[in-house]
Amino acid sequence: MRSARLGLLVGRWWKPIQIATAAVAVALGLWGWAINKPPANLSGWLDNIFRTAQLVTLQFPPNLDASIPWQLQIARLLLPLVAVFATINVLVGAITRPIRLALLPYAKEHVVHNDFDHSYGRI
């Protein structure tokens, strides 16, 4: 019963949860890079933004010290997970929609209403 309620809650709020998780992961990534390599100018901020976006591809520079900030560690794990779940959601939707449409004529007690125009007669 609890898992059904949780499933309904997550299903209903899936997109906002995904957007909020992605925003938190990006914010933590930027924060972690700002701690690790403090930006001095606009070029430094752009570099940190690029490095944060690069975390999605699982590319992380190996030359970092062992003292990586916890914000950056969480972003390293969270950003790829958000990307994977978004990709799976898109792929499953792309596969299941055509299948549902193909099976629609075989659905039991499915009614298709044919509209007709009174001025021209039945269609």
PDB file of N, CA and C in Angstrom:
ATOM      1  N   MET A   1       0.820  -1.179   0.000  1.00  0.00           N
ATOM      2  CA  MET A   1       0.000   0.000   0.000  1.00  0.00           C
ATOM      3  C   MET A   1       0.880   1.265   0.000  1.00  0.00           C
ATOM      4  N   ARG A   2       1.927   1.246   0.806  1.00  0.00           N
ATOM      5  CA  ARG A   2       2.823   2.406   0.861  1.00  0.00           C
ATOM      6  C   ARG A   2       3.572   2.576  -0.453  1.00  0.00           C
ATOM      7  N   SER A   3       3.988   1.472  -1.047  1.00  0.00           N
ATOM      8  CA  SER A   3       4.718   1.588  -2.309  1.00  0.00           C
ATOM      9  C   SER A   3       3.808   2.105  -3.417  1.00  0.00           C
ATOM     10  N   ALA A   4       2.522   1.744  -3.379  1.00  0.00           N
ATOM     11  CA  ALA A   4       1.583   2.271  -4.373  1.00  0.00           C
ATOM     12  C   ALA A   4       1.415   3.779  -4.203  1.00  0.00           C
ATOM     13  N   ARG A   5       1.304   4.231  -2.972  1.00  0.00           N
ATOM     14  CA  ARG A   5       1.192   5.668  -2.723  1.00  0.00           C
ATOM     15  C   ARG A   5       2.460   6.401  -3.157  1.00  0.00           C
ATOM     16  N   LEU A   6       3.602   5.811  -2.833  1.00  0.00           N
ATOM     17  CA  LEU A   6       4.866   6.420  -3.228  1.00  0.00           C
ATOM     18  C   LEU A   6       4.990   6.453  -4.751  1.00  0.00           C
ATOM     19  N   GLY A   7       4.568   5.369  -5.401  1.00  0.00           N
ATOM     20  CA  GLY A   7       4.598   5.324  -6.860  1.00  0.00           C
ATOM     21  C   GLY A   7       3.713   6.384  -7.486  1.00  0.00           C
ATOM     22  N   LEU A   8       2.522   6.585  -6.922  1.00  0.00           N
ATOM     23  CA  LEU A   8       1.633   7.627  -7.425  1.00  0.00           C
ATOM     24  C   LEU A   8       2.225   9.014  -7.211  1.00  0.00           C
ATOM     25  N   LEU A   9       2.814   9.211  -6.042  1.00  0.00           N
ATOM     26  CA  LEU A   9       3.414  10.507  -5.740  1.00  0.00           C
ATOM     27  C   LEU A   9       4.576  10.804  -6.678  1.00  0.00           C
ATOM     28  N   VAL A  10       5.459   9.831  -6.860  1.00  0.00           N
ATOM     29  CA  VAL A  10       6.618  10.028  -7.734  1.00  0.00           C
ATOM     30  C   VAL A  10       6.166  10.157  -9.180  1.00  0.00           C
ATOM     31  N   GLY A  11       5.192   9.347  -9.589  1.00  0.00           N
ATOM     32  CA  GLY A  11       4.697   9.428 -10.958  1.00  0.00           C
ATOM     33  C   GLY A  11       4.071  10.768 -11.273  1.00  0.00           C
ATOM     34  N   ARG A  12       3.363  11.311 -10.326  1.00  0.00           N
ATOM     35  CA  ARG A  12       2.693  12.592 -10.520  1.00  0.00           C
ATOM     36  C   ARG A  12       3.698  13.742 -10.532  1.00  0.00           C
ATOM     37  N   TRP A  13       4.710  13.645  -9.720  1.00  0.00           N
ATOM     38  CA  TRP A  13       5.687  14.727  -9.575  1.00  0.00           C
ATOM     39  C   TRP A  13       7.033  14.412 -10.215  1.00  0.00           C
ATOM     40  N   TRP A  14       7.092  13.480 -11.191  1.00  0.00           N
ATOM     41  CA  TRP A  14       8.357  13.019 -11.763  1.00  0.00           C
ATOM     42  C   TRP A  14       9.142  14.152 -12.404  1.00  0.00           C
ATOM     43  N   LYS A  15       8.520  14.945 -13.250  1.00  0.00           N
ATOM     44  CA  LYS A  15       9.232  16.032 -13.933  1.00  0.00           C
ATOM     45  C   LYS A  15       9.752  17.080 -12.954  1.00  0.00           C
ATOM     46  N   PRO A  16       8.919  17.585 -12.019  1.00  0.00           N
ATOM     47  CA  PRO A  16       9.475  18.557 -11.059  1.00  0.00           C
ATOM     48  C   PRO A  16      10.596  17.974 -10.199  1.00  0.00           C
ATOM     49  N   ILE A  17      10.489  16.703  -9.819  1.00  0.00           N
ATOM     50  CA  ILE A  17      11.558  16.065  -9.045  1.00  0.00           C
ATOM     51  C   ILE A  17      12.836  16.006  -9.879  1.00  0.00           C
ATOM     52  N   GLN A  18      12.690  15.641 -11.141  1.00  0.00           N
ATOM     53  CA  GLN A  18      13.852  15.534 -12.023  1.00  0.00           C
ATOM     54  C   GLN A  18      14.492  16.906 -12.257  1.00  0.00           C
ATOM     55  N   ILE A  19      13.679  17.919 -12.459  1.00  0.00           N
ATOM     56  CA  ILE A  19      14.203  19.272 -12.676  1.00  0.00           C
ATOM     57  C   ILE A  19      14.889  19.781 -11.409  1.00  0.00           C
ATOM     58  N   ALA A  20      14.269  19.554 -10.257  1.00  0.00           N
ATOM     59  CA  ALA A  20      14.866  20.007  -8.994  1.00  0.00           C
ATOM     60  C   ALA A  20      16.182  19.277  -8.724  1.00  0.00           C
ATOM     61  N   THR A  21      16.229  17.982  -8.991  1.00  0.00           N
ATOM     62  CA  THR A  21      17.455  17.213  -8.787  1.00  0.00           C
ATOM     63  C   THR A  21      18.562  17.704  -9.718  1.00  0.00           C
ATOM     64  N   ALA A  22      18.217  17.981 -10.967  1.00  0.00           N
ATOM     65  CA  ALA A  22      19.212  18.494 -11.910  1.00  0.00           C
ATOM     66  C   ALA A  22      19.709  19.865 -11.468  1.00  0.00           C
ATOM     67  N   ALA A  23      18.806  20.716 -10.988  1.00  0.00           N
ATOM     68  CA  ALA A  23      19.217  22.052 -10.529  1.00  0.00           C
ATOM     69  C   ALA A  23      20.140  21.964  -9.315  1.00  0.00           C
ATOM     70  N   VAL A  24      19.810  21.060  -8.388  1.00  0.00           N
ATOM     71  CA  VAL A  24      20.669  20.875  -7.210  1.00  0.00           C
ATOM     72  C   VAL A  24      22.039  20.338  -7.632  1.00  0.00           C
ATOM     73  N   ALA A  25      22.045  19.385  -8.555  1.00  0.00           N
ATOM     74  CA  ALA A  25      23.313  18.808  -8.996  1.00  0.00           C
ATOM     75  C   ALA A  25      24.179  19.852  -9.694  1.00  0.00           C
ATOM     76  N   VAL A  26      23.579  20.673 -10.541  1.00  0.00           N
ATOM     77  CA  VAL A  26      24.349  21.726 -11.227  1.00  0.00           C
ATOM     78  C   VAL A  26      24.860  22.753 -10.223  1.00  0.00           C
ATOM     79  N   ALA A  27      24.000  23.136  -9.276  1.00  0.00           N
ATOM     80  CA  ALA A  27      24.425  24.114  -8.257  1.00  0.00           C
ATOM     81  C   ALA A  27      25.565  23.561  -7.412  1.00  0.00           C
ATOM     82  N   LEU A  28      25.461  22.283  -7.018  1.00  0.00           N
ATOM     83  CA  LEU A  28      26.549  21.677  -6.247  1.00  0.00           C
ATOM     84  C   LEU A  28      27.827  21.576  -7.071  1.00  0.00           C
ATOM     85  N   GLY A  29      27.688  21.281  -8.359  1.00  0.00           N
ATOM     86  CA  GLY A  29      28.863  21.219  -9.223  1.00  0.00           C
ATOM     87  C   GLY A  29      29.556  22.566  -9.337  1.00  0.00           C
ATOM     88  N   LEU A  30      28.759  23.604  -9.565  1.00  0.00           N
ATOM     89  CA  LEU A  30      29.358  24.940  -9.652  1.00  0.00           C
ATOM     90  C   LEU A  30      29.989  25.359  -8.328  1.00  0.00           C
ATOM     91  N   TRP A  31      29.310  25.048  -7.250  1.00  0.00           N
ATOM     92  CA  TRP A  31      29.836  25.379  -5.922  1.00  0.00           C
ATOM     93  C   TRP A  31      31.140  24.628  -5.663  1.00  0.00           C
ATOM     94  N   GLY A  32      31.150  23.331  -5.995  1.00  0.00           N
ATOM     95  CA  GLY A  32      32.361  22.529  -5.787  1.00  0.00           C
ATOM     96  C   GLY A  32      33.529  23.016  -6.625  1.00  0.00           C
ATOM     97  N   TRP A  33      33.260  23.376  -7.897  1.00  0.00           N
ATOM     98  CA  TRP A  33      34.335  23.893  -8.733  1.00  0.00           C
ATOM     99  C   TRP A  33      34.796  25.262  -8.244  1.00  0.00           C
ATOM    100  N   ALA A  34      33.861  26.078  -7.708  1.00  0.00           N
ATOM    101  CA  ALA A  34      34.255  27.383  -7.178  1.00  0.00           C
ATOM    102  C   ALA A  34      35.151  27.236  -5.960  1.00  0.00           C
ATOM    103  N   ILE A  35      34.939  26.178  -5.187  1.00  0.00           N
ATOM    104  CA  ILE A  35      35.804  25.910  -4.041  1.00  0.00           C
ATOM    105  C   ILE A  35      37.151  25.362  -4.506  1.00  0.00           C
ATOM    106  N   ASN A  36      37.096  24.426  -5.469  1.00  0.00           N
ATOM    107  CA  ASN A  36      38.310  23.756  -5.927  1.00  0.00           C
ATOM    108  C   ASN A  36      39.196  24.688  -6.755  1.00  0.00           C
ATOM    109  N   LYS A  37      38.593  25.432  -7.666  1.00  0.00           N
ATOM    110  CA  LYS A  37      39.337  26.373  -8.514  1.00  0.00           C
ATOM    111  C   LYS A  37      38.572  27.689  -8.516  1.00  0.00           C
ATOM    112  N   PRO A  38      38.815  28.554  -7.550  1.00  0.00           N
ATOM    113  CA  PRO A  38      38.067  29.811  -7.442  1.00  0.00           C
ATOM    114  C   PRO A  38      38.231  30.663  -8.705  1.00  0.00           C
ATOM    115  N   PRO A  39      37.105  31.091  -9.285  1.00  0.00           N
ATOM    116  CA  PRO A  39      37.202  31.912 -10.501  1.00  0.00           C
ATOM    117  C   PRO A  39      37.618  33.337 -10.175  1.00  0.00           C
ATOM    118  N   ALA A  40      38.516  33.876 -10.991  1.00  0.00           N
ATOM    119  CA  ALA A  40      38.993  35.239 -10.777  1.00  0.00           C
ATOM    120  C   ALA A  40      38.273  36.223 -11.690  1.00  0.00           C
ATOM    121  N   ASN A  41      37.772  35.725 -12.817  1.00  0.00           N
ATOM    122  CA  ASN A  41      37.116  36.601 -13.785  1.00  0.00           C
ATOM    123  C   ASN A  41      36.043  35.810 -14.525  1.00  0.00           C
ATOM    124  N   LEU A  42      35.501  36.402 -15.581  1.00  0.00           N
ATOM    125  CA  LEU A  42      34.448  35.750 -16.357  1.00  0.00           C
ATOM    126  C   LEU A  42      34.939  34.451 -16.992  1.00  0.00           C
ATOM    127  N   SER A  43      36.186  34.443 -17.420  1.00  0.00           N
ATOM    128  CA  SER A  43      36.759  33.243 -18.015  1.00  0.00           C
ATOM    129  C   SER A  43      36.788  32.090 -17.000  1.00  0.00           C
ATOM    130  N   GLY A  44      37.091  32.398 -15.762  1.00  0.00           N
ATOM    131  CA  GLY A  44      37.084  31.370 -14.717  1.00  0.00           C
ATOM    132  C   GLY A  44      35.696  30.824 -14.462  1.00  0.00           C
ATOM    133  N   TRP A  45      34.678  31.706 -14.464  1.00  0.00           N
ATOM    134  CA  TRP A  45      33.297  31.246 -14.284  1.00  0.00           C
ATOM    135  C   TRP A  45      32.848  30.382 -15.460  1.00  0.00           C
ATOM    136  N   LEU A  46      33.195  30.794 -16.676  1.00  0.00           N
ATOM    137  CA  LEU A  46      32.834  29.991 -17.849  1.00  0.00           C
ATOM    138  C   LEU A  46      33.520  28.632 -17.818  1.00  0.00           C
ATOM    139  N   ASP A  47      34.754  28.617 -17.358  1.00  0.00           N
ATOM    140  CA  ASP A  47      35.476  27.355 -17.224  1.00  0.00           C
ATOM    141  C   ASP A  47      34.790  26.444 -16.199  1.00  0.00           C
ATOM    142  N   ASN A  48      34.348  27.010 -15.083  1.00  0.00           N
ATOM    143  CA  ASN A  48      33.648  26.209 -14.075  1.00  0.00           C
ATOM    144  C   ASN A  48      32.294  25.719 -14.582  1.00  0.00           C
ATOM    145  N   ILE A  49      31.603  26.539 -15.361  1.00  0.00           N
ATOM    146  CA  ILE A  49      30.334  26.105 -15.948  1.00  0.00           C
ATOM    147  C   ILE A  49      30.577  24.960 -16.917  1.00  0.00           C
ATOM    148  N   PHE A  50      31.615  25.071 -17.743  1.00  0.00           N
ATOM    149  CA  PHE A  50      31.940  23.996 -18.677  1.00  0.00           C
ATOM    150  C   PHE A  50      32.328  22.723 -17.930  1.00  0.00           C
ATOM    151  N   ARG A  51      33.105  22.843 -16.891  1.00  0.00           N
ATOM    152  CA  ARG A  51      33.507  21.670 -16.112  1.00  0.00           C
ATOM    153  C   ARG A  51      32.303  21.009 -15.454  1.00  0.00           C
ATOM    154  N   THR A  52      31.346  21.826 -15.007  1.00  0.00           N
ATOM    155  CA  THR A  52      30.136  21.268 -14.406  1.00  0.00           C
ATOM    156  C   THR A  52      29.321  20.517 -15.453  1.00  0.00           C
ATOM    157  N   ALA A  53      29.174  21.096 -16.642  1.00  0.00           N
ATOM    158  CA  ALA A  53      28.443  20.410 -17.714  1.00  0.00           C
ATOM    159  C   ALA A  53      29.169  19.143 -18.139  1.00  0.00           C
ATOM    160  N   GLN A  54      30.473  19.149 -18.049  1.00  0.00           N
ATOM    161  CA  GLN A  54      31.270  17.991 -18.448  1.00  0.00           C
ATOM    162  C   GLN A  54      31.093  16.823 -17.479  1.00  0.00           C
ATOM    163  N   LEU A  55      30.617  17.087 -16.265  1.00  0.00           N
ATOM    164  CA  LEU A  55      30.385  16.011 -15.303  1.00  0.00           C
ATOM    165  C   LEU A  55      29.313  15.037 -15.788  1.00  0.00           C
ATOM    166  N   VAL A  56      28.397  15.498 -16.642  1.00  0.00           N
ATOM    167  CA  VAL A  56      27.349  14.629 -17.172  1.00  0.00           C
ATOM    168  C   VAL A  56      27.961  13.500 -17.988  1.00  0.00           C
ATOM    169  N   THR A  57      29.066  13.761 -18.665  1.00  0.00           N
ATOM    170  CA  THR A  57      29.690  12.767 -19.537  1.00  0.00           C
ATOM    171  C   THR A  57      30.656  11.848 -18.803  1.00  0.00           C
ATOM    172  N   LEU A  58      30.670  11.946 -17.486  1.00  0.00           N
ATOM    173  CA  LEU A  58      31.557  11.135 -16.637  1.00  0.00           C
ATOM    174  C   LEU A  58      33.032  11.431 -16.879  1.00  0.00           C
ATOM    175  N   GLN A  59      33.329  12.576 -17.465  1.00  0.00           N
ATOM    176  CA  GLN A  59      34.715  12.972 -17.658  1.00  0.00           C
ATOM    177  C   GLN A  59      35.102  13.860 -16.498  1.00  0.00           C
ATOM    178  N   PHE A  60      35.995  13.362 -15.700  1.00  0.00           N
ATOM    179  CA  PHE A  60      36.439  14.105 -14.529  1.00  0.00           C
ATOM    180  C   PHE A  60      37.952  14.130 -14.550  1.00  0.00           C
ATOM    181  N   PRO A  61      38.554  15.288 -14.459  1.00  0.00           N
ATOM    182  CA  PRO A  61      40.017  15.369 -14.547  1.00  0.00           C
ATOM    183  C   PRO A  61      40.698  14.519 -13.476  1.00  0.00           C
ATOM    184  N   PRO A  62      41.652  13.688 -13.865  1.00  0.00           N
ATOM    185  CA  PRO A  62      42.316  12.820 -12.892  1.00  0.00           C
ATOM    186  C   PRO A  62      43.366  13.538 -12.051  1.00  0.00           C
ATOM    187  N   ASN A  63      43.707  14.770 -12.394  1.00  0.00           N
ATOM    188  CA  ASN A  63      44.795  15.443 -11.702  1.00  0.00           C
ATOM    189  C   ASN A  63      44.331  16.242 -10.485  1.00  0.00           C
ATOM    190  N   LEU A  64      43.172  15.949  -9.941  1.00  0.00           N
ATOM    191  CA  LEU A  64      42.705  16.646  -8.747  1.00  0.00           C
ATOM    192  C   LEU A  64      43.335  16.034  -7.498  1.00  0.00           C
ATOM    193  N   ASP A  65      43.454  16.850  -6.485  1.00  0.00           N
ATOM    194  CA  ASP A  65      43.962  16.357  -5.205  1.00  0.00           C
ATOM    195  C   ASP A  65      42.951  15.406  -4.588  1.00  0.00           C
ATOM    196  N   ALA A  66      43.373  14.745  -3.550  1.00  0.00           N
ATOM    197  CA  ALA A  66      42.460  13.860  -2.824  1.00  0.00           C
ATOM    198  C   ALA A  66      41.443  14.658  -2.016  1.00  0.00           C
ATOM    199  N   SER A  67      41.659  15.944  -1.886  1.00  0.00           N
ATOM    200  CA  SER A  67      40.757  16.781  -1.095  1.00  0.00           C
ATOM    201  C   SER A  67      39.702  17.455  -1.982  1.00  0.00           C
ATOM    202  N   ILE A  68      38.928  16.657  -2.669  1.00  0.00           N
ATOM    203  CA  ILE A  68      37.849  17.179  -3.512  1.00  0.00           C
ATOM    204  C   ILE A  68      36.698  17.568  -2.596  1.00  0.00           C
ATOM    205  N   PRO A  69      36.116  18.743  -2.783  1.00  0.00           N
ATOM    206  CA  PRO A  69      34.999  19.160  -1.925  1.00  0.00           C
ATOM    207  C   PRO A  69      33.810  18.205  -2.036  1.00  0.00           C
ATOM    208  N   TRP A  70      33.075  18.072  -0.944  1.00  0.00           N
ATOM    209  CA  TRP A  70      31.940  17.150  -0.939  1.00  0.00           C
ATOM    210  C   TRP A  70      30.873  17.578  -1.935  1.00  0.00           C
ATOM    211  N   GLN A  71      30.756  18.875  -2.206  1.00  0.00           N
ATOM    212  CA  GLN A  71      29.776  19.355  -3.172  1.00  0.00           C
ATOM    213  C   GLN A  71      30.078  18.802  -4.564  1.00  0.00           C
ATOM    214  N   LEU A  72      31.352  18.795  -4.888  1.00  0.00           N
ATOM    215  CA  LEU A  72      31.766  18.291  -6.195  1.00  0.00           C
ATOM    216  C   LEU A  72      31.624  16.772  -6.270  1.00  0.00           C
ATOM    217  N   GLN A  73      31.879  16.097  -5.172  1.00  0.00           N
ATOM    218  CA  GLN A  73      31.707  14.636  -5.145  1.00  0.00           C
ATOM    219  C   GLN A  73      30.239  14.251  -5.386  1.00  0.00           C
ATOM    220  N   ILE A  74      29.324  14.971  -4.730  1.00  0.00           N
ATOM    221  CA  ILE A  74      27.901  14.677  -4.919  1.00  0.00           C
ATOM    222  C   ILE A  74      27.487  14.991  -6.350  1.00  0.00           C
ATOM    223  N   ALA A  75      27.951  16.101  -6.890  1.00  0.00           N
ATOM    224  CA  ALA A  75      27.610  16.458  -8.273  1.00  0.00           C
ATOM    225  C   ALA A  75      28.173  15.445  -9.258  1.00  0.00           C
ATOM    226  N   ARG A  76      29.351  14.900  -8.976  1.00  0.00           N
ATOM    227  CA  ARG A  76      29.941  13.866  -9.845  1.00  0.00           C
ATOM    228  C   ARG A  76      29.056  12.643  -9.952  1.00  0.00           C
ATOM    229  N   LEU A  77      28.364  12.318  -8.869  1.00  0.00           N
ATOM    230  CA  LEU A  77      27.474  11.156  -8.876  1.00  0.00           C
ATOM    231  C   LEU A  77      26.070  11.506  -9.367  1.00  0.00           C
ATOM    232  N   LEU A  78      25.582  12.671  -8.990  1.00  0.00           N
ATOM    233  CA  LEU A  78      24.192  13.034  -9.246  1.00  0.00           C
ATOM    234  C   LEU A  78      23.936  13.457 -10.691  1.00  0.00           C
ATOM    235  N   LEU A  79      24.818  14.215 -11.298  1.00  0.00           N
ATOM    236  CA  LEU A  79      24.585  14.683 -12.669  1.00  0.00           C
ATOM    237  C   LEU A  79      24.480  13.538 -13.678  1.00  0.00           C
ATOM    238  N   PRO A  80      25.363  12.551 -13.673  1.00  0.00           N
ATOM    239  CA  PRO A  80      25.168  11.440 -14.612  1.00  0.00           C
ATOM    240  C   PRO A  80      23.886  10.646 -14.340  1.00  0.00           C
ATOM    241  N   LEU A  81      23.507  10.498 -13.069  1.00  0.00           N
ATOM    242  CA  LEU A  81      22.264   9.780 -12.767  1.00  0.00           C
ATOM    243  C   LEU A  81      21.048  10.522 -13.304  1.00  0.00           C
ATOM    244  N   VAL A  82      21.033  11.832 -13.161  1.00  0.00           N
ATOM    245  CA  VAL A  82      19.926  12.626 -13.702  1.00  0.00           C
ATOM    246  C   VAL A  82      19.866  12.466 -15.215  1.00  0.00           C
ATOM    247  N   ALA A  83      21.011  12.498 -15.871  1.00  0.00           N
ATOM    248  CA  ALA A  83      21.045  12.343 -17.325  1.00  0.00           C
ATOM    249  C   ALA A  83      20.571  10.961 -17.753  1.00  0.00           C
ATOM    250  N   VAL A  84      20.975   9.930 -17.024  1.00  0.00           N
ATOM    251  CA  VAL A  84      20.550   8.563 -17.363  1.00  0.00           C
ATOM    252  C   VAL A  84      19.046   8.408 -17.196  1.00  0.00           C
ATOM    253  N   PHE A  85      18.490   8.895 -16.095  1.00  0.00           N
ATOM    254  CA  PHE A  85      17.053   8.767 -15.882  1.00  0.00           C
ATOM    255  C   PHE A  85      16.255   9.564 -16.909  1.00  0.00           C
ATOM    256  N   ALA A  86      16.744  10.723 -17.309  1.00  0.00           N
ATOM    257  CA  ALA A  86      16.055  11.501 -18.337  1.00  0.00           C
ATOM    258  C   ALA A  86      16.094  10.777 -19.678  1.00  0.00           C
ATOM    259  N   THR A  87      17.233  10.175 -20.001  1.00  0.00           N
ATOM    260  CA  THR A  87      17.359   9.440 -21.257  1.00  0.00           C
ATOM    261  C   THR A  87      16.460   8.213 -21.266  1.00  0.00           C
ATOM    262  N   ILE A  88      16.432   7.482 -20.164  1.00  0.00           N
ATOM    263  CA  ILE A  88      15.572   6.300 -20.090  1.00  0.00           C
ATOM    264  C   ILE A  88      14.115   6.700 -20.234  1.00  0.00           C
ATOM    265  N   ASN A  89      13.713   7.795 -19.604  1.00  0.00           N
ATOM    266  CA  ASN A  89      12.340   8.269 -19.696  1.00  0.00           C
ATOM    267  C   ASN A  89      11.968   8.593 -21.145  1.00  0.00           C
ATOM    268  N   VAL A  90      12.856   9.246 -21.869  1.00  0.00           N
ATOM    269  CA  VAL A  90      12.596   9.588 -23.268  1.00  0.00           C
ATOM    270  C   VAL A  90      12.534   8.326 -24.123  1.00  0.00           C
ATOM    271  N   LEU A  91      13.454   7.394 -23.907  1.00  0.00           N
ATOM    272  CA  LEU A  91      13.462   6.164 -24.707  1.00  0.00           C
ATOM    273  C   LEU A  91      12.235   5.306 -24.452  1.00  0.00           C
ATOM    274  N   VAL A  92      11.850   5.155 -23.206  1.00  0.00           N
ATOM    275  CA  VAL A  92      10.664   4.359 -22.892  1.00  0.00           C
ATOM    276  C   VAL A  92       9.418   5.000 -23.489  1.00  0.00           C
ATOM    277  N   GLY A  93       9.323   6.325 -23.409  1.00  0.00           N
ATOM    278  CA  GLY A  93       8.186   7.017 -24.004  1.00  0.00           C
ATOM    279  C   GLY A  93       8.149   6.861 -25.510  1.00  0.00           C
ATOM    280  N   ALA A  94       9.313   6.900 -26.151  1.00  0.00           N
ATOM    281  CA  ALA A  94       9.372   6.756 -27.608  1.00  0.00           C
ATOM    282  C   ALA A  94       8.990   5.350 -28.052  1.00  0.00           C
ATOM    283  N   ILE A  95       9.207   4.369 -27.207  1.00  0.00           N
ATOM    284  CA  ILE A  95       8.873   2.988 -27.558  1.00  0.00           C
ATOM    285  C   ILE A  95       7.423   2.667 -27.222  1.00  0.00           C
ATOM    286  N   THR A  96       6.960   3.097 -26.066  1.00  0.00           N
ATOM    287  CA  THR A  96       5.628   2.675 -25.628  1.00  0.00           C
ATOM    288  C   THR A  96       4.497   3.418 -26.324  1.00  0.00           C
ATOM    289  N   ARG A  97       4.689   4.658 -26.739  1.00  0.00           N
ATOM    290  CA  ARG A  97       3.605   5.385 -27.400  1.00  0.00           C
ATOM    291  C   ARG A  97       3.178   4.725 -28.704  1.00  0.00           C
ATOM    292  N   PRO A  98       4.098   4.391 -29.610  1.00  0.00           N
ATOM    293  CA  PRO A  98       3.656   3.718 -30.834  1.00  0.00           C
ATOM    294  C   PRO A  98       3.035   2.345 -30.570  1.00  0.00           C
ATOM    295  N   ILE A  99       3.530   1.656 -29.548  1.00  0.00           N
ATOM    296  CA  ILE A  99       2.955   0.343 -29.227  1.00  0.00           C
ATOM    297  C   ILE A  99       1.526   0.511 -28.724  1.00  0.00           C
ATOM    298  N   ARG A 100       1.301   1.492 -27.863  1.00  0.00           N
ATOM    299  CA  ARG A 100      -0.061   1.739 -27.374  1.00  0.00           C
ATOM    300  C   ARG A 100      -0.990   2.122 -28.516  1.00  0.00           C
ATOM    301  N   LEU A 101      -0.512   2.944 -29.429  1.00  0.00           N
ATOM    302  CA  LEU A 101      -1.348   3.326 -30.567  1.00  0.00           C
ATOM    303  C   LEU A 101      -1.634   2.141 -31.478  1.00  0.00           C
ATOM    304  N   ALA A 102      -0.657   1.265 -31.651  1.00  0.00           N
ATOM    305  CA  ALA A 102      -0.867   0.097 -32.503  1.00  0.00           C
ATOM    306  C   ALA A 102      -1.870  -0.874 -31.870  1.00  0.00           C
ATOM    307  N   LEU A 103      -1.870  -0.979 -30.568  1.00  0.00           N
ATOM    308  CA  LEU A 103      -2.778  -1.905 -29.881  1.00  0.00           C
ATOM    309  C   LEU A 103      -4.130  -1.283 -29.557  1.00  0.00           C
ATOM    310  N   LEU A 104      -4.319  -0.035 -29.851  1.00  0.00           N
ATOM    311  CA  LEU A 104      -5.562   0.646 -29.527  1.00  0.00           C
ATOM    312  C   LEU A 104      -6.802   0.004 -30.157  1.00  0.00           C
ATOM    313  N   PRO A 105      -6.758  -0.441 -31.416  1.00  0.00           N
ATOM    314  CA  PRO A 105      -7.973  -1.071 -31.968  1.00  0.00           C
ATOM    315  C   PRO A 105      -8.356  -2.379 -31.275  1.00  0.00           C
ATOM    316  N   TYR A 106      -7.429  -3.008 -30.601  1.00  0.00           N
ATOM    317  CA  TYR A 106      -7.704  -4.279 -29.945  1.00  0.00           C
ATOM    318  C   TYR A 106      -8.135  -4.125 -28.495  1.00  0.00           C
ATOM    319  N   ALA A 107      -8.209  -2.896 -28.005  1.00  0.00           N
ATOM    320  CA  ALA A 107      -8.604  -2.661 -26.620  1.00  0.00           C
ATOM    321  C   ALA A 107     -10.074  -2.996 -26.443  1.00  0.00           C
ATOM    322  N   LYS A 108     -10.397  -3.702 -25.378  1.00  0.00           N
ATOM    323  CA  LYS A 108     -11.776  -4.089 -25.112  1.00  0.00           C
ATOM    324  C   LYS A 108     -12.572  -2.878 -24.651  1.00  0.00           C
ATOM    325  N   GLU A 109     -13.792  -2.831 -25.084  1.00  0.00           N
ATOM    326  CA  GLU A 109     -14.735  -1.779 -24.736  1.00  0.00           C
ATOM    327  C   GLU A 109     -14.188  -0.396 -25.052  1.00  0.00           C
ATOM    328  N   HIS A 110     -13.444  -0.321 -26.122  1.00  0.00           N
ATOM    329  CA  HIS A 110     -12.914   0.959 -26.566  1.00  0.00           C
ATOM    330  C   HIS A 110     -13.871   1.517 -27.601  1.00  0.00           C
ATOM    331  N   VAL A 111     -14.311   2.728 -27.405  1.00  0.00           N
ATOM    332  CA  VAL A 111     -15.275   3.346 -28.303  1.00  0.00           C
ATOM    333  C   VAL A 111     -14.599   4.489 -29.039  1.00  0.00           C
ATOM    334  N   VAL A 112     -14.727   4.452 -30.356  1.00  0.00           N
ATOM    335  CA  VAL A 112     -14.233   5.545 -31.176  1.00  0.00           C
ATOM    336  C   VAL A 112     -15.452   6.278 -31.702  1.00  0.00           C
ATOM    337  N   HIS A 113     -15.560   7.518 -31.364  1.00  0.00           N
ATOM    338  CA  HIS A 113     -16.699   8.311 -31.804  1.00  0.00           C
ATOM    339  C   HIS A 113     -16.404   8.899 -33.174  1.00  0.00           C
ATOM    340  N   ASN A 114     -17.302   8.652 -34.102  1.00  0.00           N
ATOM    341  CA  ASN A 114     -17.190   9.285 -35.413  1.00  0.00           C
ATOM    342  C   ASN A 114     -18.073  10.513 -35.418  1.00  0.00           C
ATOM    343  N   ASP A 115     -17.485  11.637 -35.635  1.00  0.00           N
ATOM    344  CA  ASP A 115     -18.258  12.864 -35.723  1.00  0.00           C
ATOM    345  C   ASP A 115     -18.825  12.988 -37.132  1.00  0.00           C
ATOM    346  N   PHE A 116     -19.970  13.520 -37.221  1.00  0.00           N
ATOM    347  CA  PHE A 116     -20.507  13.776 -38.545  1.00  0.00           C
ATOM    348  C   PHE A 116     -21.051  15.186 -38.595  1.00  0.00           C
ATOM    349  N   ASP A 117     -20.936  15.732 -39.775  1.00  0.00           N
ATOM    350  CA  ASP A 117     -21.370  17.099 -40.010  1.00  0.00           C
ATOM    351  C   ASP A 117     -22.811  17.068 -40.507  1.00  0.00           C
ATOM    352  N   HIS A 118     -23.716  17.768 -39.861  1.00  0.00           N
ATOM    353  CA  HIS A 118     -25.123  17.729 -40.234  1.00  0.00           C
ATOM    354  C   HIS A 118     -25.385  18.398 -41.565  1.00  0.00           C
ATOM    355  N   SER A 119     -24.559  19.342 -41.944  1.00  0.00           N
ATOM    356  CA  SER A 119     -24.835  20.044 -43.192  1.00  0.00           C
ATOM    357  C   SER A 119     -24.477  19.198 -44.422  1.00  0.00           C
ATOM    358  N   TYR A 120     -23.527  18.283 -44.296  1.00  0.00           N
ATOM    359  CA  TYR A 120     -23.137  17.461 -45.430  1.00  0.00           C
ATOM    360  C   TYR A 120     -23.612  16.020 -45.288  1.00  0.00           C
ATOM    361  N   GLY A 121     -24.200  15.698 -44.208  1.00  0.00           N
ATOM    362  CA  GLY A 121     -24.614  14.315 -44.002  1.00  0.00           C
ATOM    363  C   GLY A 121     -23.563  13.576 -43.206  1.00  0.00           C
ATOM    364  N   ARG A 122     -23.700  12.284 -43.167  1.00  0.00           N
ATOM    365  CA  ARG A 122     -22.755  11.476 -42.390  1.00  0.00           C
ATOM    366  C   ARG A 122     -21.444  11.284 -43.134  1.00  0.00           C
ATOM    367  N   ILE A 123     -20.421  11.196 -42.334  1.00  0.00           N
ATOM    368  CA  ILE A 123     -19.087  10.961 -42.905  1.00  0.00           C
ATOM    369  C   ILE A 123     -18.755   9.499 -42.794  1.00  0.00           C
TER     370      ILE A 123
END
